[in-house]
Every structure is written in structure tokens, then in C-alpha cells.
């Protein structure tokens, strides 16, 4: 059974392998928030607008450009994670797609470890609804981003 920690996050005792995470829930929650910002972007509709250059960037902020600062932040953050943290992140996304149950965590994590490569950030950012999948995966393991999100608002 999961216990409430001082910081509002739920932890799972060591004797429950389905909840063992290498990555901190706080890091996952940060990625969830940023992934949702990234997912909210639209495709570029006008790659070279012929309007006033001083305000073009204000309109383009809602479009998904290659130099998007949210994407760059996510790529940098995910790239700076340890290999085990990256594996957890991929496994959480897979778990959150509801292809598996929390009881499958060890197996899902093992599969993610076998599939791990240097393109983890690109792979994850290519998953539509990544933030939702990560949040669902955390929830299935007994964790919540509620406290983290409240602190960010």
C-alpha cells in the first residue's frame, strides 16, 4: 500500500516492486507539464510570413518550430537524465498507454531497458499525448503530480 510522504507525493514501500522508480516523481511531473505545453503547439502554417517581422514571433509562439524553446528544454532535460531515469520515463509512458497494468512494471521496465538508445528524447517527444501517458503511468504506480502542479501555478 502506498504511503503519503511529507512533500505530498506518494511513495511505495520497497517490498512492492511495481512502484520502484529510479526517476523522482517531481522530475516526471516537470516533464508532464512541459510535454503538455509542447503538445499544445500547432503545425507551422506559414513558415515565412510576409508581415511585420517585429510581431511575427508573437504569432509563431503557438506553432511547432524546430527551434521551439519548450522542445529544446525537454530535449535537454531528458538528455541530462541518467540512463535508468530515461528507462523509467519510457516505461511510464508505455504503462500509461494502458497496454500494461501496474503489476507488469518490472517487465515493462525491462523491455524499456532493452530498447534504450541515445534517441530517448526524440522518441518520447514523438508520442502524442506524452504528458497524459506519463501522468497515467505515475498514477498507476500510486504517485501524483497534484502537489507539484499546485506549486507551479
C-alpha atoms as a PDB file:
ATOM      1  CA  UNK A   1       0.000   0.000   0.000  1.00  0.00           C
ATOM      2  CA  UNK A   2       1.335   3.475  -0.815  1.00  0.00           C
ATOM      3  CA  UNK A   3       2.169   5.944   1.965  1.00  0.00           C
ATOM      4  CA  UNK A   4       1.946   9.747   1.910  1.00  0.00           C
ATOM      5  CA  UNK A   5       5.336  11.490   2.172  1.00  0.00           C
ATOM      6  CA  UNK A   6       5.994  14.920   3.701  1.00  0.00           C
ATOM      7  CA  UNK A   7       6.139  16.566   0.261  1.00  0.00           C
ATOM      8  CA  UNK A   8       2.670  15.345  -0.729  1.00  0.00           C
ATOM      9  CA  UNK A   9       3.999  12.728  -3.160  1.00  0.00           C
ATOM     10  CA  UNK A  10       3.025   9.146  -2.556  1.00  0.00           C
ATOM     11  CA  UNK A  11       5.722   6.578  -2.048  1.00  0.00           C
ATOM     12  CA  UNK A  12       5.567   2.831  -2.292  1.00  0.00           C
ATOM     13  CA  UNK A  13       7.416   0.573   0.133  1.00  0.00           C
ATOM     14  CA  UNK A  14      10.424  -1.331  -1.188  1.00  0.00           C
ATOM     15  CA  UNK A  15       8.561  -4.636  -0.927  1.00  0.00           C
ATOM     16  CA  UNK A  16       6.217  -3.531  -3.741  1.00  0.00           C
ATOM     17  CA  UNK A  17       8.332  -3.767  -6.926  1.00  0.00           C
ATOM     18  CA  UNK A  18       5.603  -2.269  -9.113  1.00  0.00           C
ATOM     19  CA  UNK A  19       6.243   1.180  -7.618  1.00  0.00           C
ATOM     20  CA  UNK A  20      10.034   1.289  -7.672  1.00  0.00           C
ATOM     21  CA  UNK A  21      11.174   4.310  -9.663  1.00  0.00           C
ATOM     22  CA  UNK A  22      14.708   5.441 -10.354  1.00  0.00           C
ATOM     23  CA  UNK A  23      13.459   8.819 -11.560  1.00  0.00           C
ATOM     24  CA  UNK A  24      11.878  11.121  -8.990  1.00  0.00           C
ATOM     25  CA  UNK A  25       8.168  11.793  -9.442  1.00  0.00           C
ATOM     26  CA  UNK A  26       8.986  15.515  -9.357  1.00  0.00           C
ATOM     27  CA  UNK A  27      11.117  15.170 -12.497  1.00  0.00           C
ATOM     28  CA  UNK A  28       8.348  13.239 -14.229  1.00  0.00           C
ATOM     29  CA  UNK A  29       5.820  15.907 -13.213  1.00  0.00           C
ATOM     30  CA  UNK A  30       8.064  18.626 -14.668  1.00  0.00           C
ATOM     31  CA  UNK A  31       8.267  16.690 -17.945  1.00  0.00           C
ATOM     32  CA  UNK A  32       4.479  16.216 -17.918  1.00  0.00           C
ATOM     33  CA  UNK A  33       3.904  19.970 -17.625  1.00  0.00           C
ATOM     34  CA  UNK A  34       6.411  20.770 -20.377  1.00  0.00           C
ATOM     35  CA  UNK A  35       5.135  17.955 -22.625  1.00  0.00           C
ATOM     36  CA  UNK A  36       1.646  19.395 -22.410  1.00  0.00           C
ATOM     37  CA  UNK A  37       2.983  22.813 -23.392  1.00  0.00           C
ATOM     38  CA  UNK A  38       4.727  21.175 -26.334  1.00  0.00           C
ATOM     39  CA  UNK A  39       1.657  19.116 -27.342  1.00  0.00           C
ATOM     40  CA  UNK A  40      -0.447  22.274 -27.437  1.00  0.00           C
ATOM     41  CA  UNK A  41       1.565  23.619 -30.379  1.00  0.00           C
ATOM     42  CA  UNK A  42       0.133  23.653 -33.901  1.00  0.00           C
ATOM     43  CA  UNK A  43       1.936  22.736 -37.096  1.00  0.00           C
ATOM     44  CA  UNK A  44       3.658  25.619 -38.842  1.00  0.00           C
ATOM     45  CA  UNK A  45       1.108  27.093 -41.227  1.00  0.00           C
ATOM     46  CA  UNK A  46       3.123  29.969 -42.593  1.00  0.00           C
ATOM     47  CA  UNK A  47       6.851  29.191 -42.490  1.00  0.00           C
ATOM     48  CA  UNK A  48       7.881  32.608 -43.824  1.00  0.00           C
ATOM     49  CA  UNK A  49       5.143  35.139 -43.103  1.00  0.00           C
ATOM     50  CA  UNK A  50       5.315  38.380 -45.077  1.00  0.00           C
ATOM     51  CA  UNK A  51       4.009  40.568 -42.303  1.00  0.00           C
ATOM     52  CA  UNK A  52       5.675  42.840 -39.809  1.00  0.00           C
ATOM     53  CA  UNK A  53       8.803  40.990 -38.599  1.00  0.00           C
ATOM     54  CA  UNK A  54       8.577  42.633 -35.182  1.00  0.00           C
ATOM     55  CA  UNK A  55       5.402  40.736 -34.285  1.00  0.00           C
ATOM     56  CA  UNK A  56       5.824  37.531 -36.320  1.00  0.00           C
ATOM     57  CA  UNK A  57       7.341  35.695 -33.351  1.00  0.00           C
ATOM     58  CA  UNK A  58       4.304  36.526 -31.210  1.00  0.00           C
ATOM     59  CA  UNK A  59       2.048  34.641 -33.617  1.00  0.00           C
ATOM     60  CA  UNK A  60       4.584  31.875 -34.205  1.00  0.00           C
ATOM     61  CA  UNK A  61       4.866  31.056 -30.478  1.00  0.00           C
ATOM     62  CA  UNK A  62       1.805  28.807 -30.837  1.00  0.00           C
ATOM     63  CA  UNK A  63       3.333  26.913 -33.762  1.00  0.00           C
ATOM     64  CA  UNK A  64       5.732  23.998 -33.546  1.00  0.00           C
ATOM     65  CA  UNK A  65       9.051  25.292 -34.922  1.00  0.00           C
ATOM     66  CA  UNK A  66      12.325  23.359 -34.908  1.00  0.00           C
ATOM     67  CA  UNK A  67      13.865  25.933 -32.570  1.00  0.00           C
ATOM     68  CA  UNK A  68      10.915  25.796 -30.156  1.00  0.00           C
ATOM     69  CA  UNK A  69      12.234  26.640 -26.671  1.00  0.00           C
ATOM     70  CA  UNK A  70       9.876  24.171 -24.953  1.00  0.00           C
ATOM     71  CA  UNK A  71      11.125  21.353 -27.191  1.00  0.00           C
ATOM     72  CA  UNK A  72      14.731  22.387 -26.582  1.00  0.00           C
ATOM     73  CA  UNK A  73      14.131  22.458 -22.829  1.00  0.00           C
ATOM     74  CA  UNK A  74      12.566  18.998 -22.886  1.00  0.00           C
ATOM     75  CA  UNK A  75      15.321  17.531 -25.060  1.00  0.00           C
ATOM     76  CA  UNK A  76      17.975  18.999 -22.765  1.00  0.00           C
ATOM     77  CA  UNK A  77      16.231  17.871 -19.589  1.00  0.00           C
ATOM     78  CA  UNK A  78      15.583  14.328 -20.813  1.00  0.00           C
ATOM     79  CA  UNK A  79      19.110  14.097 -22.236  1.00  0.00           C
ATOM     80  CA  UNK A  80      20.565  15.069 -18.843  1.00  0.00           C
ATOM     81  CA  UNK A  81      18.738  12.242 -17.069  1.00  0.00           C
ATOM     82  CA  UNK A  82      20.644   9.098 -16.187  1.00  0.00           C
ATOM     83  CA  UNK A  83      20.092   6.035 -18.346  1.00  0.00           C
ATOM     84  CA  UNK A  84      17.965   4.444 -15.615  1.00  0.00           C
ATOM     85  CA  UNK A  85      15.814   7.581 -15.339  1.00  0.00           C
ATOM     86  CA  UNK A  86      15.308   7.606 -19.113  1.00  0.00           C
ATOM     87  CA  UNK A  87      14.309   3.943 -18.989  1.00  0.00           C
ATOM     88  CA  UNK A  88      11.764   4.711 -16.259  1.00  0.00           C
ATOM     89  CA  UNK A  89      10.367   7.558 -18.345  1.00  0.00           C
ATOM     90  CA  UNK A  90       9.828   5.340 -21.398  1.00  0.00           C
ATOM     91  CA  UNK A  91       8.364   2.581 -19.224  1.00  0.00           C
ATOM     92  CA  UNK A  92       5.968   5.066 -17.576  1.00  0.00           C
ATOM     93  CA  UNK A  93       4.791   6.260 -20.999  1.00  0.00           C
ATOM     94  CA  UNK A  94       4.181   2.670 -22.094  1.00  0.00           C
ATOM     95  CA  UNK A  95       2.411   1.877 -18.834  1.00  0.00           C
ATOM     96  CA  UNK A  96       0.268   4.999 -19.181  1.00  0.00           C
ATOM     97  CA  UNK A  97      -0.926   3.926 -22.626  1.00  0.00           C
ATOM     98  CA  UNK A  98      -2.697   1.198 -20.684  1.00  0.00           C
ATOM     99  CA  UNK A  99      -1.032  -1.562 -22.664  1.00  0.00           C
ATOM    100  CA  UNK A 100       0.025  -2.965 -19.274  1.00  0.00           C
ATOM    101  CA  UNK A 101      -1.027  -2.940 -15.629  1.00  0.00           C
ATOM    102  CA  UNK A 102       0.951  -1.784 -12.605  1.00  0.00           C
ATOM    103  CA  UNK A 103       1.695  -5.446 -11.864  1.00  0.00           C
ATOM    104  CA  UNK A 104       3.643  -5.551 -15.149  1.00  0.00           C
ATOM    105  CA  UNK A 105       6.008  -2.707 -14.083  1.00  0.00           C
ATOM    106  CA  UNK A 106       9.139  -4.873 -13.767  1.00  0.00           C
ATOM    107  CA  UNK A 107       8.536  -6.424 -17.189  1.00  0.00           C
ATOM    108  CA  UNK A 108       7.714  -3.077 -18.826  1.00  0.00           C
ATOM    109  CA  UNK A 109      10.848  -1.523 -17.357  1.00  0.00           C
ATOM    110  CA  UNK A 110      12.945  -4.460 -18.580  1.00  0.00           C
ATOM    111  CA  UNK A 111      11.551  -4.026 -22.112  1.00  0.00           C
ATOM    112  CA  UNK A 112      12.306  -0.302 -21.970  1.00  0.00           C
ATOM    113  CA  UNK A 113      15.868  -1.088 -20.868  1.00  0.00           C
ATOM    114  CA  UNK A 114      16.326  -3.439 -23.827  1.00  0.00           C
ATOM    115  CA  UNK A 115      15.015  -0.776 -26.223  1.00  0.00           C
ATOM    116  CA  UNK A 116      17.028   2.094 -24.712  1.00  0.00           C
ATOM    117  CA  UNK A 117      19.206   4.146 -27.063  1.00  0.00           C
ATOM    118  CA  UNK A 118      20.507   7.710 -27.418  1.00  0.00           C
ATOM    119  CA  UNK A 119      17.280   8.957 -29.022  1.00  0.00           C
ATOM    120  CA  UNK A 120      15.087   8.773 -25.921  1.00  0.00           C
ATOM    121  CA  UNK A 121      14.067  12.440 -26.010  1.00  0.00           C
ATOM    122  CA  UNK A 122      13.172  12.342 -29.711  1.00  0.00           C
ATOM    123  CA  UNK A 123      11.240   9.112 -29.218  1.00  0.00           C
ATOM    124  CA  UNK A 124       9.255  10.456 -26.276  1.00  0.00           C
ATOM    125  CA  UNK A 125       8.513  13.799 -27.927  1.00  0.00           C
ATOM    126  CA  UNK A 126       7.153  11.899 -30.912  1.00  0.00           C
ATOM    127  CA  UNK A 127       4.457  10.308 -28.740  1.00  0.00           C
ATOM    128  CA  UNK A 128       1.202  12.267 -28.959  1.00  0.00           C
ATOM    129  CA  UNK A 129      -0.297  12.911 -25.516  1.00  0.00           C
ATOM    130  CA  UNK A 130       3.013  12.107 -23.796  1.00  0.00           C
ATOM    131  CA  UNK A 131       2.075  14.158 -20.730  1.00  0.00           C
ATOM    132  CA  UNK A 132      -1.181  12.256 -20.298  1.00  0.00           C
ATOM    133  CA  UNK A 133       0.550   8.885 -20.644  1.00  0.00           C
ATOM    134  CA  UNK A 134       3.252   9.800 -18.131  1.00  0.00           C
ATOM    135  CA  UNK A 135       0.669  11.067 -15.655  1.00  0.00           C
ATOM    136  CA  UNK A 136      -1.416   7.917 -16.043  1.00  0.00           C
ATOM    137  CA  UNK A 137       1.690   5.748 -15.630  1.00  0.00           C
ATOM    138  CA  UNK A 138       2.619   7.567 -12.420  1.00  0.00           C
ATOM    139  CA  UNK A 139      -0.934   7.238 -11.162  1.00  0.00           C
ATOM    140  CA  UNK A 140      -0.964   3.503 -11.850  1.00  0.00           C
ATOM    141  CA  UNK A 141       2.101   3.190  -9.605  1.00  0.00           C
ATOM    142  CA  UNK A 142       0.492   5.266  -6.859  1.00  0.00           C
ATOM    143  CA  UNK A 143       2.125   8.644  -7.489  1.00  0.00           C
ATOM    144  CA  UNK A 144       0.501  12.009  -8.167  1.00  0.00           C
ATOM    145  CA  UNK A 145       1.599  15.360  -9.583  1.00  0.00           C
ATOM    146  CA  UNK A 146      -1.113  17.269  -7.744  1.00  0.00           C
ATOM    147  CA  UNK A 147       1.214  18.872  -5.177  1.00  0.00           C
ATOM    148  CA  UNK A 148       3.862  19.615  -7.793  1.00  0.00           C
ATOM    149  CA  UNK A 149       1.349  21.247 -10.139  1.00  0.00           C
ATOM    150  CA  UNK A 150      -0.109  23.357  -7.324  1.00  0.00           C
ATOM    151  CA  UNK A 151       3.374  24.669  -6.561  1.00  0.00           C
ATOM    152  CA  UNK A 152       3.893  25.627 -10.215  1.00  0.00           C
ATOM    153  CA  UNK A 153       0.634  27.601 -10.602  1.00  0.00           C
END
